[in-house]
Amino acid sequence: MIAPPIKSFEACLQAVNAADSAQGLLDAVEDLAALNDQRSIPTLIQVLGFNNPGAAVAAVDGLVQIGIPAVSMLLDQLDGYNYGARAWAIRALAGIGDPRGHDLLLDAAANDFSLSVRRAAARGLGTIRWADIVENKRSAAMMRSQTILLQVTQDDEWVVRYAAVVGLECLALELKQRDAVTQCLGQLRDQDETLAVQARAHWALSKLGVVIR
């Protein structure tokens, strides 16, 4: 089977702008994201604010694929009023892991009104590109993530606590001293009110090599 020809950037951009259905927009965004073209960054960010979760997922994937070049514009264009768009943007920043988004993720995980924003931020706090932080500041940055993630494990929403467990697991894999993390995960495994959080904490402990009794 012969693969279909790759569409040009101009054609993909026009298709996004001309889309007149949810499926049409999804298909157009997927094509645009697949180009991995930095010129698509503004349009992909714009799509995050549309009421189309499928297209937003495709846009996030495209932004994560582009990576670091997308970070400045994501930070500059965060929508403080559209919580859906903000959650998708934070998901993109979390997927990229650039340290420039660290302060935003810390604040969002602890304080944002939207549970979807807190959840995305909590996941991202464990996957910062720590090697991109200068060595004399790296440990302090990691401790800031740990402090907020330990706090977020007490969030009222179980999906946010679940995300905090994921973030703690990823972070702990980079830490030399894990006692505070493993103690918290043990408490969640034994005491959290939601079985899914208990199970995820159990899994995290096993992946960290903690003997489970």
N, C-alpha and C. Protein backbone atom coordinates (compact mmCIF):
# COMPACT_ATOMS: atom_id res chain seq x y z
N MET A 1 0.84 -1.19 0.00
CA MET A 1 0.00 0.00 0.00
C MET A 1 0.88 1.25 0.00
N ILE A 2 0.56 2.18 -0.85
CA ILE A 2 1.33 3.41 -0.94
C ILE A 2 0.80 4.40 0.09
N ALA A 3 1.72 4.95 0.90
CA ALA A 3 1.33 5.91 1.92
C ALA A 3 0.81 7.19 1.27
N PRO A 4 -0.21 7.80 1.86
CA PRO A 4 -0.72 9.05 1.30
C PRO A 4 0.35 10.14 1.39
N PRO A 5 0.37 11.06 0.45
CA PRO A 5 1.37 12.12 0.49
C PRO A 5 1.21 13.00 1.72
N ILE A 6 2.34 13.48 2.24
CA ILE A 6 2.30 14.36 3.40
C ILE A 6 1.82 15.74 2.96
N LYS A 7 0.85 16.25 3.69
CA LYS A 7 0.31 17.56 3.35
C LYS A 7 1.29 18.66 3.74
N SER A 8 1.24 19.76 3.03
CA SER A 8 2.10 20.90 3.34
C SER A 8 1.60 21.60 4.60
N PHE A 9 2.46 22.39 5.20
CA PHE A 9 2.06 23.16 6.37
C PHE A 9 0.88 24.07 6.04
N GLU A 10 0.96 24.73 4.90
CA GLU A 10 -0.11 25.65 4.52
C GLU A 10 -1.45 24.92 4.36
N ALA A 11 -1.41 23.73 3.76
CA ALA A 11 -2.63 22.97 3.57
C ALA A 11 -3.21 22.51 4.91
N CYS A 12 -2.34 22.08 5.82
CA CYS A 12 -2.80 21.63 7.13
C CYS A 12 -3.39 22.80 7.93
N LEU A 13 -2.73 23.94 7.86
CA LEU A 13 -3.23 25.11 8.58
C LEU A 13 -4.59 25.54 8.05
N GLN A 14 -4.73 25.53 6.74
CA GLN A 14 -6.00 25.90 6.13
C GLN A 14 -7.09 24.92 6.54
N ALA A 15 -6.75 23.64 6.62
CA ALA A 15 -7.74 22.64 7.00
C ALA A 15 -8.22 22.85 8.43
N VAL A 16 -7.32 23.23 9.33
CA VAL A 16 -7.72 23.51 10.71
C VAL A 16 -8.69 24.69 10.74
N ASN A 17 -8.34 25.75 10.03
CA ASN A 17 -9.16 26.97 10.03
C ASN A 17 -10.51 26.75 9.36
N ALA A 18 -10.56 25.80 8.41
CA ALA A 18 -11.80 25.59 7.66
C ALA A 18 -12.66 24.47 8.23
N ALA A 19 -12.18 23.77 9.24
CA ALA A 19 -12.92 22.63 9.78
C ALA A 19 -14.30 23.05 10.25
N ASP A 20 -15.32 22.29 9.85
CA ASP A 20 -16.70 22.64 10.20
C ASP A 20 -17.40 21.54 10.99
N SER A 21 -16.61 20.61 11.54
CA SER A 21 -17.17 19.57 12.40
C SER A 21 -16.10 19.14 13.39
N ALA A 22 -16.55 18.49 14.47
CA ALA A 22 -15.60 18.05 15.49
C ALA A 22 -14.61 17.05 14.90
N GLN A 23 -15.11 16.11 14.10
CA GLN A 23 -14.21 15.12 13.49
C GLN A 23 -13.27 15.77 12.48
N GLY A 24 -13.80 16.71 11.73
CA GLY A 24 -12.96 17.41 10.76
C GLY A 24 -11.84 18.18 11.42
N LEU A 25 -12.16 18.81 12.56
CA LEU A 25 -11.13 19.54 13.29
C LEU A 25 -10.09 18.57 13.85
N LEU A 26 -10.54 17.46 14.41
CA LEU A 26 -9.61 16.47 14.94
C LEU A 26 -8.66 15.98 13.86
N ASP A 27 -9.19 15.62 12.71
CA ASP A 27 -8.35 15.13 11.62
C ASP A 27 -7.35 16.19 11.18
N ALA A 28 -7.80 17.42 11.09
CA ALA A 28 -6.92 18.50 10.63
C ALA A 28 -5.82 18.78 11.64
N VAL A 29 -6.16 18.76 12.93
CA VAL A 29 -5.15 19.01 13.96
C VAL A 29 -4.13 17.87 14.00
N GLU A 30 -4.61 16.65 13.84
CA GLU A 30 -3.68 15.52 13.81
C GLU A 30 -2.68 15.65 12.66
N ASP A 31 -3.17 16.07 11.49
CA ASP A 31 -2.29 16.27 10.34
C ASP A 31 -1.28 17.39 10.62
N LEU A 32 -1.75 18.47 11.21
CA LEU A 32 -0.86 19.58 11.50
C LEU A 32 0.19 19.18 12.54
N ALA A 33 -0.24 18.49 13.58
CA ALA A 33 0.68 18.08 14.63
C ALA A 33 1.74 17.12 14.11
N ALA A 34 1.34 16.27 13.15
CA ALA A 34 2.27 15.28 12.62
C ALA A 34 3.44 15.90 11.87
N LEU A 35 3.30 17.14 11.45
CA LEU A 35 4.38 17.80 10.72
C LEU A 35 5.56 18.14 11.61
N ASN A 36 5.32 18.26 12.92
CA ASN A 36 6.39 18.64 13.86
C ASN A 36 7.06 19.93 13.41
N ASP A 37 6.25 20.90 13.07
CA ASP A 37 6.73 22.16 12.50
C ASP A 37 6.49 23.28 13.52
N GLN A 38 7.55 24.00 13.86
CA GLN A 38 7.43 25.04 14.87
C GLN A 38 6.44 26.13 14.47
N ARG A 39 6.21 26.29 13.19
CA ARG A 39 5.24 27.30 12.75
C ARG A 39 3.82 26.97 13.19
N SER A 40 3.59 25.73 13.57
CA SER A 40 2.25 25.32 13.98
C SER A 40 1.96 25.63 15.45
N ILE A 41 2.96 26.07 16.20
CA ILE A 41 2.78 26.27 17.64
C ILE A 41 1.59 27.18 17.96
N PRO A 42 1.48 28.38 17.37
CA PRO A 42 0.35 29.25 17.73
C PRO A 42 -1.01 28.60 17.48
N THR A 43 -1.15 27.89 16.36
CA THR A 43 -2.43 27.26 16.05
C THR A 43 -2.73 26.12 17.01
N LEU A 44 -1.73 25.32 17.32
CA LEU A 44 -1.93 24.21 18.26
C LEU A 44 -2.34 24.74 19.63
N ILE A 45 -1.74 25.84 20.05
CA ILE A 45 -2.13 26.43 21.33
C ILE A 45 -3.56 26.95 21.27
N GLN A 46 -3.93 27.54 20.16
CA GLN A 46 -5.30 28.03 19.99
C GLN A 46 -6.31 26.89 20.11
N VAL A 47 -5.98 25.74 19.55
CA VAL A 47 -6.88 24.58 19.59
C VAL A 47 -7.14 24.13 21.01
N LEU A 48 -6.20 24.35 21.93
CA LEU A 48 -6.39 23.94 23.32
C LEU A 48 -7.62 24.59 23.94
N GLY A 49 -8.03 25.74 23.42
CA GLY A 49 -9.18 26.43 23.96
C GLY A 49 -10.49 26.08 23.31
N PHE A 50 -10.45 25.23 22.28
CA PHE A 50 -11.69 24.81 21.63
C PHE A 50 -12.39 23.75 22.47
N ASN A 51 -13.67 23.64 22.32
CA ASN A 51 -14.43 22.62 23.05
C ASN A 51 -14.42 21.31 22.26
N ASN A 52 -13.22 20.76 22.13
CA ASN A 52 -13.04 19.53 21.37
C ASN A 52 -11.90 18.74 22.01
N PRO A 53 -12.21 17.87 22.97
CA PRO A 53 -11.15 17.14 23.69
C PRO A 53 -10.24 16.34 22.78
N GLY A 54 -10.79 15.73 21.74
CA GLY A 54 -9.95 14.95 20.83
C GLY A 54 -8.92 15.81 20.13
N ALA A 55 -9.36 16.97 19.64
CA ALA A 55 -8.43 17.88 18.98
C ALA A 55 -7.41 18.43 19.97
N ALA A 56 -7.86 18.66 21.22
CA ALA A 56 -6.93 19.16 22.24
C ALA A 56 -5.85 18.14 22.54
N VAL A 57 -6.23 16.86 22.62
CA VAL A 57 -5.23 15.81 22.84
C VAL A 57 -4.21 15.80 21.69
N ALA A 58 -4.71 15.91 20.45
CA ALA A 58 -3.81 15.93 19.30
C ALA A 58 -2.89 17.14 19.34
N ALA A 59 -3.44 18.28 19.77
CA ALA A 59 -2.63 19.50 19.87
C ALA A 59 -1.56 19.36 20.95
N VAL A 60 -1.94 18.79 22.09
CA VAL A 60 -0.96 18.56 23.16
C VAL A 60 0.15 17.65 22.66
N ASP A 61 -0.22 16.57 21.99
CA ASP A 61 0.79 15.65 21.45
C ASP A 61 1.73 16.37 20.50
N GLY A 62 1.16 17.24 19.65
CA GLY A 62 1.99 17.98 18.72
C GLY A 62 2.94 18.93 19.43
N LEU A 63 2.45 19.62 20.45
CA LEU A 63 3.29 20.55 21.20
C LEU A 63 4.39 19.82 21.96
N VAL A 64 4.06 18.68 22.54
CA VAL A 64 5.07 17.89 23.24
C VAL A 64 6.13 17.39 22.26
N GLN A 65 5.70 17.01 21.08
CA GLN A 65 6.64 16.54 20.06
C GLN A 65 7.58 17.67 19.63
N ILE A 66 7.05 18.87 19.48
CA ILE A 66 7.89 20.02 19.14
C ILE A 66 8.84 20.32 20.29
N GLY A 67 8.32 20.22 21.51
CA GLY A 67 9.17 20.31 22.68
C GLY A 67 9.53 21.72 23.11
N ILE A 68 10.77 21.90 23.47
CA ILE A 68 11.26 23.13 24.10
C ILE A 68 10.89 24.39 23.32
N PRO A 69 10.93 24.41 21.99
CA PRO A 69 10.56 25.64 21.28
C PRO A 69 9.13 26.11 21.56
N ALA A 70 8.27 25.23 22.05
CA ALA A 70 6.88 25.61 22.31
C ALA A 70 6.67 26.22 23.69
N VAL A 71 7.66 26.11 24.56
CA VAL A 71 7.46 26.47 25.96
C VAL A 71 7.18 27.95 26.16
N SER A 72 7.98 28.80 25.56
CA SER A 72 7.81 30.24 25.77
C SER A 72 6.41 30.70 25.40
N MET A 73 5.91 30.24 24.27
CA MET A 73 4.59 30.68 23.83
C MET A 73 3.49 30.07 24.70
N LEU A 74 3.68 28.84 25.15
CA LEU A 74 2.70 28.24 26.06
C LEU A 74 2.61 29.06 27.35
N LEU A 75 3.73 29.47 27.88
CA LEU A 75 3.74 30.25 29.12
C LEU A 75 3.13 31.64 28.90
N ASP A 76 3.43 32.23 27.75
CA ASP A 76 2.94 33.59 27.47
C ASP A 76 1.45 33.62 27.22
N GLN A 77 0.88 32.51 26.71
CA GLN A 77 -0.51 32.53 26.28
C GLN A 77 -1.44 31.72 27.17
N LEU A 78 -1.00 31.40 28.38
CA LEU A 78 -1.88 30.67 29.29
C LEU A 78 -3.16 31.46 29.53
N ASP A 79 -4.27 30.77 29.46
CA ASP A 79 -5.58 31.39 29.62
C ASP A 79 -6.04 31.23 31.07
N GLY A 80 -6.07 32.34 31.79
CA GLY A 80 -6.48 32.27 33.19
C GLY A 80 -7.97 32.11 33.40
N TYR A 81 -8.76 32.22 32.35
CA TYR A 81 -10.22 32.15 32.48
C TYR A 81 -10.80 30.84 31.92
N ASN A 82 -10.17 30.31 30.89
CA ASN A 82 -10.62 29.05 30.30
C ASN A 82 -9.86 27.90 30.95
N TYR A 83 -10.50 27.26 31.93
CA TYR A 83 -9.79 26.23 32.69
C TYR A 83 -9.49 25.00 31.85
N GLY A 84 -10.33 24.74 30.87
CA GLY A 84 -10.05 23.62 29.98
C GLY A 84 -8.77 23.86 29.21
N ALA A 85 -8.65 25.04 28.62
CA ALA A 85 -7.44 25.38 27.87
C ALA A 85 -6.22 25.37 28.77
N ARG A 86 -6.39 25.89 29.99
CA ARG A 86 -5.27 25.92 30.93
C ARG A 86 -4.81 24.51 31.29
N ALA A 87 -5.76 23.62 31.48
CA ALA A 87 -5.40 22.24 31.81
C ALA A 87 -4.64 21.58 30.67
N TRP A 88 -5.10 21.80 29.43
CA TRP A 88 -4.40 21.22 28.29
C TRP A 88 -2.99 21.81 28.15
N ALA A 89 -2.87 23.13 28.37
CA ALA A 89 -1.56 23.77 28.26
C ALA A 89 -0.61 23.24 29.33
N ILE A 90 -1.11 23.06 30.53
CA ILE A 90 -0.27 22.52 31.59
C ILE A 90 0.11 21.08 31.29
N ARG A 91 -0.82 20.34 30.68
CA ARG A 91 -0.47 18.98 30.27
C ARG A 91 0.66 18.99 29.25
N ALA A 92 0.61 19.94 28.32
CA ALA A 92 1.69 20.06 27.34
C ALA A 92 3.00 20.42 28.01
N LEU A 93 2.96 21.40 28.91
CA LEU A 93 4.18 21.80 29.63
C LEU A 93 4.72 20.64 30.45
N ALA A 94 3.82 19.88 31.07
CA ALA A 94 4.26 18.73 31.85
C ALA A 94 4.91 17.68 30.96
N GLY A 95 4.35 17.48 29.78
CA GLY A 95 4.92 16.50 28.86
C GLY A 95 6.28 16.91 28.33
N ILE A 96 6.48 18.21 28.16
CA ILE A 96 7.76 18.70 27.68
C ILE A 96 8.79 18.66 28.80
N GLY A 97 8.38 19.06 30.00
CA GLY A 97 9.26 18.97 31.17
C GLY A 97 10.31 20.06 31.28
N ASP A 98 10.15 21.14 30.54
CA ASP A 98 11.12 22.22 30.60
C ASP A 98 11.06 22.90 31.97
N PRO A 99 12.20 23.14 32.63
CA PRO A 99 12.18 23.76 33.96
C PRO A 99 11.54 25.14 34.01
N ARG A 100 11.43 25.82 32.88
CA ARG A 100 10.78 27.13 32.89
C ARG A 100 9.32 27.04 33.31
N GLY A 101 8.73 25.88 33.18
CA GLY A 101 7.34 25.70 33.60
C GLY A 101 7.19 25.23 35.03
N HIS A 102 8.32 25.06 35.74
CA HIS A 102 8.28 24.46 37.08
C HIS A 102 7.45 25.29 38.06
N ASP A 103 7.69 26.59 38.12
CA ASP A 103 6.95 27.43 39.07
C ASP A 103 5.45 27.40 38.78
N LEU A 104 5.10 27.40 37.52
CA LEU A 104 3.69 27.33 37.15
C LEU A 104 3.07 26.03 37.63
N LEU A 105 3.76 24.92 37.42
CA LEU A 105 3.24 23.63 37.84
C LEU A 105 3.10 23.55 39.36
N LEU A 106 4.07 24.10 40.08
CA LEU A 106 4.00 24.11 41.54
C LEU A 106 2.74 24.84 42.01
N ASP A 107 2.53 26.03 41.47
CA ASP A 107 1.37 26.83 41.89
C ASP A 107 0.07 26.18 41.46
N ALA A 108 0.03 25.66 40.25
CA ALA A 108 -1.21 25.06 39.75
C ALA A 108 -1.58 23.81 40.54
N ALA A 109 -0.61 22.98 40.85
CA ALA A 109 -0.90 21.74 41.58
C ALA A 109 -1.47 22.03 42.96
N ALA A 110 -0.98 23.08 43.59
CA ALA A 110 -1.41 23.37 44.96
C ALA A 110 -2.65 24.24 45.04
N ASN A 111 -2.84 25.12 44.05
CA ASN A 111 -3.82 26.19 44.25
C ASN A 111 -4.89 26.33 43.18
N ASP A 112 -4.76 25.70 42.04
CA ASP A 112 -5.70 26.00 40.97
C ASP A 112 -7.11 25.55 41.32
N PHE A 113 -8.08 26.32 40.87
CA PHE A 113 -9.49 26.02 41.11
C PHE A 113 -9.93 24.74 40.44
N SER A 114 -9.39 24.47 39.27
CA SER A 114 -9.84 23.34 38.46
C SER A 114 -9.10 22.06 38.83
N LEU A 115 -9.86 21.01 39.10
CA LEU A 115 -9.22 19.74 39.45
C LEU A 115 -8.42 19.18 38.28
N SER A 116 -8.87 19.43 37.04
CA SER A 116 -8.14 18.93 35.89
C SER A 116 -6.78 19.61 35.75
N VAL A 117 -6.71 20.89 36.14
CA VAL A 117 -5.44 21.61 36.13
C VAL A 117 -4.53 21.07 37.23
N ARG A 118 -5.06 20.89 38.42
CA ARG A 118 -4.25 20.36 39.53
C ARG A 118 -3.72 18.97 39.18
N ARG A 119 -4.55 18.16 38.57
CA ARG A 119 -4.14 16.80 38.20
C ARG A 119 -3.01 16.83 37.19
N ALA A 120 -3.15 17.63 36.14
CA ALA A 120 -2.10 17.70 35.12
C ALA A 120 -0.80 18.23 35.71
N ALA A 121 -0.91 19.24 36.56
CA ALA A 121 0.29 19.82 37.16
C ALA A 121 0.99 18.84 38.09
N ALA A 122 0.22 18.08 38.86
CA ALA A 122 0.83 17.13 39.78
C ALA A 122 1.63 16.07 39.04
N ARG A 123 1.08 15.59 37.96
CA ARG A 123 1.84 14.62 37.15
C ARG A 123 3.14 15.25 36.65
N GLY A 124 3.03 16.49 36.17
CA GLY A 124 4.20 17.14 35.59
C GLY A 124 5.31 17.43 36.57
N LEU A 125 4.98 17.60 37.83
CA LEU A 125 6.01 17.92 38.82
C LEU A 125 7.01 16.78 39.01
N GLY A 126 6.64 15.60 38.60
CA GLY A 126 7.58 14.49 38.72
C GLY A 126 8.45 14.28 37.51
N THR A 127 8.15 14.97 36.41
CA THR A 127 8.84 14.68 35.15
C THR A 127 9.56 15.90 34.58
N ILE A 128 9.93 16.84 35.44
CA ILE A 128 10.75 17.96 35.01
C ILE A 128 12.08 17.43 34.48
N ARG A 129 12.64 18.11 33.50
CA ARG A 129 13.96 17.73 32.97
C ARG A 129 15.03 18.26 33.93
N TRP A 130 15.24 17.50 34.99
CA TRP A 130 16.12 17.97 36.07
C TRP A 130 17.53 18.26 35.58
N ALA A 131 17.99 17.52 34.61
CA ALA A 131 19.35 17.73 34.11
C ALA A 131 19.51 19.10 33.46
N ASP A 132 18.39 19.74 33.10
CA ASP A 132 18.46 21.07 32.49
C ASP A 132 18.55 22.19 33.53
N ILE A 133 18.49 21.84 34.80
CA ILE A 133 18.65 22.81 35.87
C ILE A 133 20.10 22.76 36.34
N VAL A 134 20.71 23.92 36.55
CA VAL A 134 22.11 23.94 36.98
C VAL A 134 22.25 23.16 38.27
N GLU A 135 23.37 22.49 38.42
CA GLU A 135 23.53 21.51 39.49
C GLU A 135 23.33 22.10 40.88
N ASN A 136 23.79 23.34 41.08
CA ASN A 136 23.68 23.92 42.44
C ASN A 136 22.27 24.35 42.78
N LYS A 137 21.34 24.28 41.82
CA LYS A 137 19.94 24.62 42.08
C LYS A 137 19.01 23.42 41.92
N ARG A 138 19.55 22.34 41.42
CA ARG A 138 18.71 21.18 41.08
C ARG A 138 18.06 20.55 42.30
N SER A 139 18.85 20.32 43.34
CA SER A 139 18.32 19.66 44.53
C SER A 139 17.19 20.46 45.16
N ALA A 140 17.36 21.79 45.22
CA ALA A 140 16.32 22.63 45.81
C ALA A 140 15.05 22.58 44.98
N ALA A 141 15.19 22.55 43.65
CA ALA A 141 14.02 22.46 42.77
C ALA A 141 13.29 21.14 42.99
N MET A 142 14.04 20.07 43.13
CA MET A 142 13.41 18.77 43.36
C MET A 142 12.69 18.73 44.70
N MET A 143 13.26 19.38 45.70
CA MET A 143 12.61 19.42 47.01
C MET A 143 11.33 20.24 46.96
N ARG A 144 11.31 21.27 46.15
CA ARG A 144 10.07 22.05 45.99
C ARG A 144 8.98 21.19 45.38
N SER A 145 9.35 20.39 44.38
CA SER A 145 8.36 19.46 43.81
C SER A 145 7.88 18.48 44.86
N GLN A 146 8.81 17.93 45.63
CA GLN A 146 8.43 16.96 46.64
C GLN A 146 7.48 17.57 47.66
N THR A 147 7.79 18.78 48.12
CA THR A 147 6.95 19.42 49.13
C THR A 147 5.51 19.60 48.64
N ILE A 148 5.38 20.10 47.42
CA ILE A 148 4.03 20.33 46.89
C ILE A 148 3.31 19.01 46.62
N LEU A 149 4.01 18.04 46.09
CA LEU A 149 3.37 16.75 45.80
C LEU A 149 2.91 16.07 47.08
N LEU A 150 3.70 16.14 48.14
CA LEU A 150 3.27 15.57 49.41
C LEU A 150 2.02 16.28 49.90
N GLN A 151 1.95 17.58 49.70
CA GLN A 151 0.76 18.35 50.07
C GLN A 151 -0.44 17.93 49.23
N VAL A 152 -0.23 17.73 47.94
CA VAL A 152 -1.32 17.42 47.03
C VAL A 152 -1.89 16.02 47.27
N THR A 153 -1.15 15.16 47.93
CA THR A 153 -1.70 13.83 48.26
C THR A 153 -2.87 13.94 49.24
N GLN A 154 -3.11 15.15 49.77
CA GLN A 154 -4.25 15.37 50.66
C GLN A 154 -5.40 16.09 49.95
N ASP A 155 -5.29 16.26 48.64
CA ASP A 155 -6.34 16.94 47.88
C ASP A 155 -7.68 16.24 48.07
N ASP A 156 -8.75 17.02 48.02
CA ASP A 156 -10.09 16.45 48.20
C ASP A 156 -10.50 15.53 47.06
N GLU A 157 -9.93 15.75 45.87
CA GLU A 157 -10.31 14.96 44.69
C GLU A 157 -9.36 13.78 44.51
N TRP A 158 -9.94 12.58 44.39
CA TRP A 158 -9.09 11.40 44.32
C TRP A 158 -8.23 11.37 43.05
N VAL A 159 -8.74 11.93 41.94
CA VAL A 159 -7.95 11.90 40.71
C VAL A 159 -6.71 12.77 40.84
N VAL A 160 -6.79 13.81 41.65
CA VAL A 160 -5.62 14.66 41.89
C VAL A 160 -4.63 13.93 42.80
N ARG A 161 -5.13 13.25 43.81
CA ARG A 161 -4.24 12.45 44.68
C ARG A 161 -3.56 11.36 43.86
N TYR A 162 -4.31 10.74 42.97
CA TYR A 162 -3.74 9.70 42.10
C TYR A 162 -2.59 10.28 41.28
N ALA A 163 -2.82 11.45 40.70
CA ALA A 163 -1.78 12.11 39.90
C ALA A 163 -0.57 12.45 40.75
N ALA A 164 -0.81 12.85 42.00
CA ALA A 164 0.31 13.16 42.90
C ALA A 164 1.15 11.92 43.17
N VAL A 165 0.51 10.76 43.28
CA VAL A 165 1.25 9.52 43.45
C VAL A 165 2.15 9.24 42.24
N VAL A 166 1.59 9.46 41.06
CA VAL A 166 2.38 9.27 39.84
C VAL A 166 3.58 10.22 39.84
N GLY A 167 3.32 11.49 40.18
CA GLY A 167 4.40 12.45 40.23
C GLY A 167 5.46 12.10 41.26
N LEU A 168 5.03 11.65 42.43
CA LEU A 168 5.98 11.27 43.47
C LEU A 168 6.83 10.08 43.05
N GLU A 169 6.21 9.12 42.39
CA GLU A 169 6.97 7.96 41.93
C GLU A 169 8.08 8.39 40.97
N CYS A 170 7.72 9.21 39.98
CA CYS A 170 8.71 9.66 39.00
C CYS A 170 9.81 10.48 39.66
N LEU A 171 9.41 11.36 40.57
CA LEU A 171 10.39 12.19 41.26
C LEU A 171 11.33 11.34 42.12
N ALA A 172 10.76 10.39 42.84
CA ALA A 172 11.57 9.58 43.75
C ALA A 172 12.64 8.79 43.02
N LEU A 173 12.37 8.43 41.78
CA LEU A 173 13.38 7.71 41.00
C LEU A 173 14.63 8.55 40.78
N GLU A 174 14.52 9.87 40.94
CA GLU A 174 15.65 10.78 40.76
C GLU A 174 16.27 11.22 42.09
N LEU A 175 15.62 10.91 43.20
CA LEU A 175 16.08 11.38 44.50
C LEU A 175 17.05 10.39 45.15
N LYS A 176 17.99 10.94 45.89
CA LYS A 176 18.89 10.10 46.66
C LYS A 176 18.25 9.69 47.98
N GLN A 177 17.46 10.59 48.53
CA GLN A 177 16.79 10.33 49.81
C GLN A 177 15.28 10.28 49.55
N ARG A 178 14.69 9.10 49.74
CA ARG A 178 13.29 8.88 49.39
C ARG A 178 12.38 8.64 50.59
N ASP A 179 12.90 8.78 51.79
CA ASP A 179 12.13 8.35 52.97
C ASP A 179 10.78 9.05 53.07
N ALA A 180 10.76 10.36 52.85
CA ALA A 180 9.50 11.10 52.98
C ALA A 180 8.49 10.63 51.94
N VAL A 181 8.98 10.34 50.74
CA VAL A 181 8.08 9.89 49.67
C VAL A 181 7.53 8.50 49.98
N THR A 182 8.40 7.59 50.35
CA THR A 182 7.93 6.23 50.58
C THR A 182 7.02 6.15 51.80
N GLN A 183 7.28 6.98 52.81
CA GLN A 183 6.39 7.01 53.97
C GLN A 183 5.00 7.49 53.57
N CYS A 184 4.97 8.55 52.75
CA CYS A 184 3.68 9.07 52.29
C CYS A 184 2.95 8.05 51.43
N LEU A 185 3.67 7.40 50.53
CA LEU A 185 3.04 6.39 49.68
C LEU A 185 2.51 5.23 50.50
N GLY A 186 3.23 4.86 51.54
CA GLY A 186 2.75 3.79 52.41
C GLY A 186 1.46 4.17 53.11
N GLN A 187 1.36 5.41 53.55
CA GLN A 187 0.13 5.87 54.20
C GLN A 187 -1.04 5.88 53.22
N LEU A 188 -0.77 6.31 52.00
CA LEU A 188 -1.83 6.31 50.99
C LEU A 188 -2.28 4.89 50.67
N ARG A 189 -1.32 4.01 50.56
CA ARG A 189 -1.66 2.61 50.27
C ARG A 189 -2.57 2.03 51.35
N ASP A 190 -2.32 2.40 52.60
CA ASP A 190 -3.05 1.79 53.71
C ASP A 190 -4.29 2.57 54.12
N GLN A 191 -4.33 3.87 53.84
CA GLN A 191 -5.36 4.69 54.45
C GLN A 191 -6.21 5.51 53.49
N ASP A 192 -5.80 5.67 52.24
CA ASP A 192 -6.61 6.51 51.35
C ASP A 192 -8.01 5.92 51.20
N GLU A 193 -8.98 6.80 51.06
CA GLU A 193 -10.38 6.36 51.00
C GLU A 193 -10.77 5.78 49.64
N THR A 194 -9.89 5.94 48.64
CA THR A 194 -10.21 5.47 47.29
C THR A 194 -9.30 4.31 46.91
N LEU A 195 -9.90 3.21 46.49
CA LEU A 195 -9.12 2.02 46.18
C LEU A 195 -8.12 2.26 45.04
N ALA A 196 -8.51 3.08 44.07
CA ALA A 196 -7.60 3.34 42.95
C ALA A 196 -6.32 4.02 43.42
N VAL A 197 -6.44 4.93 44.37
CA VAL A 197 -5.25 5.61 44.92
C VAL A 197 -4.42 4.63 45.73
N GLN A 198 -5.09 3.80 46.52
CA GLN A 198 -4.37 2.78 47.28
C GLN A 198 -3.56 1.88 46.35
N ALA A 199 -4.22 1.43 45.29
CA ALA A 199 -3.55 0.53 44.36
C ALA A 199 -2.39 1.20 43.65
N ARG A 200 -2.56 2.46 43.26
CA ARG A 200 -1.48 3.16 42.56
C ARG A 200 -0.31 3.41 43.50
N ALA A 201 -0.58 3.71 44.76
CA ALA A 201 0.49 3.88 45.74
C ALA A 201 1.25 2.56 45.95
N HIS A 202 0.50 1.46 45.99
CA HIS A 202 1.11 0.13 46.13
C HIS A 202 2.05 -0.14 44.95
N TRP A 203 1.57 0.16 43.76
CA TRP A 203 2.38 -0.05 42.56
C TRP A 203 3.63 0.83 42.58
N ALA A 204 3.46 2.09 42.99
CA ALA A 204 4.60 3.01 43.05
C ALA A 204 5.67 2.49 44.00
N LEU A 205 5.25 2.01 45.15
CA LEU A 205 6.21 1.47 46.11
C LEU A 205 6.97 0.28 45.53
N SER A 206 6.25 -0.57 44.81
CA SER A 206 6.92 -1.73 44.22
C SER A 206 7.93 -1.30 43.17
N LYS A 207 7.60 -0.27 42.37
CA LYS A 207 8.52 0.21 41.36
C LYS A 207 9.73 0.90 41.95
N LEU A 208 9.56 1.42 43.17
CA LEU A 208 10.68 2.06 43.86
C LEU A 208 11.51 1.05 44.64
N GLY A 209 11.13 -0.21 44.57
CA GLY A 209 11.91 -1.26 45.23
C GLY A 209 11.66 -1.37 46.71
N VAL A 210 10.54 -0.83 47.17
CA VAL A 210 10.20 -0.92 48.59
C VAL A 210 9.55 -2.26 48.87
N VAL A 211 10.03 -2.95 49.89
CA VAL A 211 9.49 -4.25 50.25
C VAL A 211 8.08 -4.04 50.80
N ILE A 212 7.11 -4.68 50.17
CA ILE A 212 5.70 -4.52 50.56
C ILE A 212 5.27 -5.71 51.40
N ARG A 213 4.76 -5.42 52.56
CA ARG A 213 4.35 -6.49 53.48
C ARG A 213 2.84 -6.54 53.64
